[in-house]
Amino acid sequence: MCDFELSEIIGLIQIAIGIIAIVLAILGYRKVLKQIDISNKQTNLTIAQVNSLNKERQADLKISLLSELNLQIKQLIEIKHNYEKLTIDLGNLLILLNTDPVKFANVISNMPIFEQIFERTKSERTIVVDNRLKGLEELYDDIYGNEVDVSTLEKTIQDTYKNNREIDGITVELNQILLAMEKLENSATQLR
């Protein structure tokens, strides 16, 4: 009986050790599952933060682009306005000069060259300005009402700045014409 009792005790000890091992394994497995859950939550939080930052970046770029488009549209409208004003001023100056062609002969002699340069420049540049204005207004409408990804916004901003160089050149040219017109008007005013 001793052997039987001893083997029974050993069997019970082995069963107890097995049960303890299973309980410990289950507890360890639960800890692993808990760590996986924590890791998944952290990953989801990181993804949400990245998405939030991406949305902020997207909003900042969209605001910057729309602001730049507004500035360029304003610049183009100002160019058109200045060409219209120059046309009116030129007409008024011609009326003044024709009141006394002898008195204004010196100014009148410069007018054909100025008119030719102005009309050529105006007709060429107005087409460029109108096309650019139409393109910017369409781009503004596309960007304003739609969801646009960051890379597209970045590329569009770069293209918008790059494409405005021609308009900057037209502005410089227009300023030179405005100065020439001012000199003609001053010459006529002094002869009055």
Protein backbone atom coordinates (compact mmCIF):
# COMPACT_ATOMS: atom_id res chain seq x y z
CA MET A 1 0.00 0.00 0.00
CA CYS A 2 2.79 2.28 0.51
CA ASP A 3 3.69 2.18 -3.11
CA PHE A 4 0.07 2.69 -4.05
CA GLU A 5 -0.37 5.65 -1.72
CA LEU A 6 2.92 7.12 -2.86
CA SER A 7 2.00 6.78 -6.52
CA GLU A 8 -1.44 8.21 -5.76
CA ILE A 9 0.15 11.22 -4.04
CA ILE A 10 2.64 11.62 -6.88
CA GLY A 11 -0.27 11.45 -9.37
CA LEU A 12 -2.18 14.09 -7.42
CA ILE A 13 0.92 16.28 -7.26
CA GLN A 14 1.38 15.92 -11.02
CA ILE A 15 -2.28 16.82 -11.60
CA ALA A 16 -1.93 19.84 -9.29
CA ILE A 17 1.25 20.92 -11.10
CA GLY A 18 -0.56 20.47 -14.44
CA ILE A 19 -3.53 22.55 -13.24
CA ILE A 20 -1.19 25.26 -11.92
CA ALA A 21 0.70 25.23 -15.24
CA ILE A 22 -2.57 25.56 -17.17
CA VAL A 23 -3.72 28.43 -14.91
CA LEU A 24 -0.36 30.18 -15.30
CA ALA A 25 -0.47 29.65 -19.08
CA ILE A 26 -3.99 31.10 -19.23
CA LEU A 27 -2.91 34.10 -17.12
CA GLY A 28 0.15 34.60 -19.35
CA TYR A 29 -2.02 34.30 -22.47
CA ARG A 30 -4.42 36.90 -21.05
CA LYS A 31 -1.49 39.27 -20.41
CA VAL A 32 -0.27 38.74 -23.98
CA LEU A 33 -3.79 39.46 -25.29
CA LYS A 34 -3.97 42.55 -23.08
CA GLN A 35 -0.59 43.78 -24.42
CA ILE A 36 -1.76 43.14 -28.00
CA ASP A 37 -4.93 45.11 -27.27
CA ILE A 38 -2.89 48.00 -25.78
CA SER A 39 -0.55 47.91 -28.79
CA ASN A 40 -3.52 47.99 -31.19
CA LYS A 41 -5.03 50.95 -29.33
CA GLN A 42 -1.70 52.80 -29.48
CA THR A 43 -1.40 52.05 -33.20
CA ASN A 44 -4.94 53.29 -33.82
CA LEU A 45 -4.23 56.42 -31.77
CA THR A 46 -1.04 57.06 -33.76
CA ILE A 47 -2.92 56.58 -37.03
CA ALA A 48 -5.63 58.98 -35.84
CA GLN A 49 -2.99 61.57 -34.88
CA VAL A 50 -1.25 61.21 -38.25
CA ASN A 51 -4.60 61.58 -40.02
CA SER A 52 -5.39 64.63 -37.92
CA LEU A 53 -2.01 66.20 -38.75
CA ASN A 54 -2.55 65.35 -42.40
CA LYS A 55 -5.96 67.05 -42.31
CA GLU A 56 -4.42 70.12 -40.65
CA ARG A 57 -1.66 70.21 -43.27
CA GLN A 58 -4.25 69.79 -45.99
CA ALA A 59 -6.33 72.64 -44.58
CA ASP A 60 -3.26 74.90 -44.25
CA LEU A 61 -2.20 74.18 -47.83
CA LYS A 62 -5.73 74.74 -49.10
CA ILE A 63 -5.94 78.08 -47.30
CA SER A 64 -2.52 79.09 -48.63
CA LEU A 65 -3.45 78.11 -52.17
CA LEU A 66 -6.81 79.86 -52.08
CA SER A 67 -5.16 82.96 -50.64
CA GLU A 68 -2.52 82.97 -53.38
CA LEU A 69 -5.20 82.44 -56.03
CA ASN A 70 -7.12 85.41 -54.63
CA LEU A 71 -4.00 87.58 -54.76
CA GLN A 72 -3.25 86.57 -58.33
CA ILE A 73 -6.86 87.09 -59.44
CA LYS A 74 -6.77 90.54 -57.81
CA GLN A 75 -3.49 91.29 -59.63
CA LEU A 76 -5.01 90.26 -62.97
CA ILE A 77 -8.14 92.35 -62.41
CA GLU A 78 -5.92 95.31 -61.52
CA ILE A 79 -3.96 94.82 -64.76
CA LYS A 80 -7.21 94.78 -66.76
CA HIS A 81 -8.41 97.88 -64.91
CA ASN A 82 -5.14 99.70 -65.64
CA TYR A 83 -5.35 98.86 -69.35
CA GLU A 84 -8.92 100.18 -69.42
CA LYS A 85 -7.88 103.31 -67.53
CA LEU A 86 -4.97 103.83 -69.91
CA THR A 87 -7.31 103.53 -72.89
CA ILE A 88 -9.58 106.23 -71.43
CA ASP A 89 -6.62 108.44 -70.46
CA LEU A 90 -5.13 108.04 -73.92
CA GLY A 91 -8.43 109.04 -75.51
CA ASN A 92 -8.68 112.08 -73.24
CA LEU A 93 -5.10 113.07 -74.01
CA LEU A 94 -5.73 112.79 -77.75
CA ILE A 95 -8.79 115.02 -77.40
CA LEU A 96 -6.70 117.58 -75.50
CA LEU A 97 -3.87 117.43 -78.04
CA ASN A 98 -6.26 117.90 -80.95
CA THR A 99 -7.61 121.13 -79.42
CA ASP A 100 -4.40 122.92 -80.42
CA PRO A 101 -2.18 120.75 -82.67
CA VAL A 102 0.38 123.52 -83.12
CA LYS A 103 0.82 124.14 -79.42
CA PHE A 104 1.07 120.42 -78.65
CA ALA A 105 3.14 119.49 -81.73
CA ASN A 106 6.03 118.17 -79.65
CA VAL A 107 3.77 115.84 -77.65
CA ILE A 108 1.76 114.86 -80.74
CA SER A 109 4.96 113.76 -82.47
CA ASN A 110 5.49 111.11 -79.77
CA MET A 111 1.91 109.86 -79.81
CA PRO A 112 1.97 107.48 -82.82
CA ILE A 113 4.84 105.47 -81.33
CA PHE A 114 3.21 105.40 -77.91
CA GLU A 115 -0.21 104.45 -79.36
CA GLN A 116 1.32 101.68 -81.45
CA ILE A 117 3.25 100.21 -78.53
CA PHE A 118 0.26 100.56 -76.21
CA GLU A 119 -2.27 98.98 -78.59
CA ARG A 120 0.04 96.07 -79.48
CA THR A 121 0.91 95.45 -75.85
CA LYS A 122 -2.70 95.81 -74.72
CA SER A 123 -4.07 93.37 -77.30
CA GLU A 124 -1.37 90.75 -76.65
CA ARG A 125 -1.38 91.04 -72.89
CA THR A 126 -5.15 91.20 -72.51
CA ILE A 127 -5.42 87.74 -74.10
CA VAL A 128 -2.81 86.35 -71.71
CA VAL A 129 -4.45 88.04 -68.71
CA ASP A 130 -7.95 86.85 -69.67
CA ASN A 131 -6.77 83.25 -70.17
CA ARG A 132 -4.85 83.24 -66.90
CA LEU A 133 -7.79 84.81 -65.05
CA LYS A 134 -10.17 82.17 -66.41
CA GLY A 135 -7.76 79.39 -65.44
CA LEU A 136 -7.29 80.75 -61.92
CA GLU A 137 -11.03 81.15 -61.38
CA GLU A 138 -11.64 77.55 -62.52
CA LEU A 139 -8.83 76.30 -60.27
CA TYR A 140 -10.25 78.30 -57.35
CA ASP A 141 -13.68 76.73 -57.86
CA ASP A 142 -12.16 73.23 -58.11
CA ILE A 143 -10.09 73.64 -54.96
CA TYR A 144 -12.66 75.53 -52.87
CA GLY A 145 -15.48 73.02 -53.01
CA ASN A 146 -13.60 69.73 -53.14
CA GLU A 147 -11.41 67.48 -51.04
CA VAL A 148 -7.88 67.60 -52.46
CA ASP A 149 -4.96 65.50 -51.23
CA VAL A 150 -1.81 67.11 -49.82
CA SER A 151 0.52 66.18 -52.68
CA THR A 152 -1.85 67.68 -55.26
CA LEU A 153 -2.15 70.86 -53.21
CA GLU A 154 1.64 71.15 -52.88
CA LYS A 155 2.14 70.67 -56.63
CA THR A 156 -0.64 73.14 -57.46
CA ILE A 157 0.91 75.78 -55.17
CA GLN A 158 4.29 75.35 -56.87
CA ASP A 159 2.71 75.55 -60.33
CA THR A 160 0.68 78.61 -59.35
CA TYR A 161 3.77 80.50 -58.21
CA LYS A 162 5.75 79.40 -61.26
CA ASN A 163 2.99 80.36 -63.70
CA ASN A 164 2.67 83.84 -62.19
CA ARG A 165 6.09 84.91 -63.48
CA GLU A 166 4.60 85.90 -66.83
CA ILE A 167 1.97 88.02 -65.08
CA ASP A 168 4.69 89.69 -63.00
CA GLY A 169 6.43 90.55 -66.29
CA ILE A 170 3.20 92.02 -67.67
CA THR A 171 2.84 94.09 -64.50
CA VAL A 172 6.35 95.51 -64.92
CA GLU A 173 5.65 96.28 -68.58
CA LEU A 174 2.33 97.91 -67.70
CA ASN A 175 4.03 100.07 -65.06
CA GLN A 176 6.47 101.29 -67.72
CA ILE A 177 3.56 102.18 -70.01
CA LEU A 178 1.84 103.98 -67.13
CA LEU A 179 5.01 106.01 -66.52
CA ALA A 180 5.30 106.87 -70.22
CA MET A 181 1.64 107.94 -70.26
CA GLU A 182 2.21 110.06 -67.18
CA LYS A 183 5.17 111.77 -68.87
CA LEU A 184 3.06 112.51 -71.96
CA GLU A 185 0.26 113.91 -69.80
CA ASN A 186 2.76 116.04 -67.85
CA SER A 187 4.26 117.36 -71.10
CA ALA A 188 0.80 118.30 -72.37
CA THR A 189 -0.14 119.88 -69.04
CA GLN A 190 3.01 122.01 -69.02
CA LEU A 191 2.23 123.29 -72.52
CA ARG A 192 -1.29 124.35 -71.59
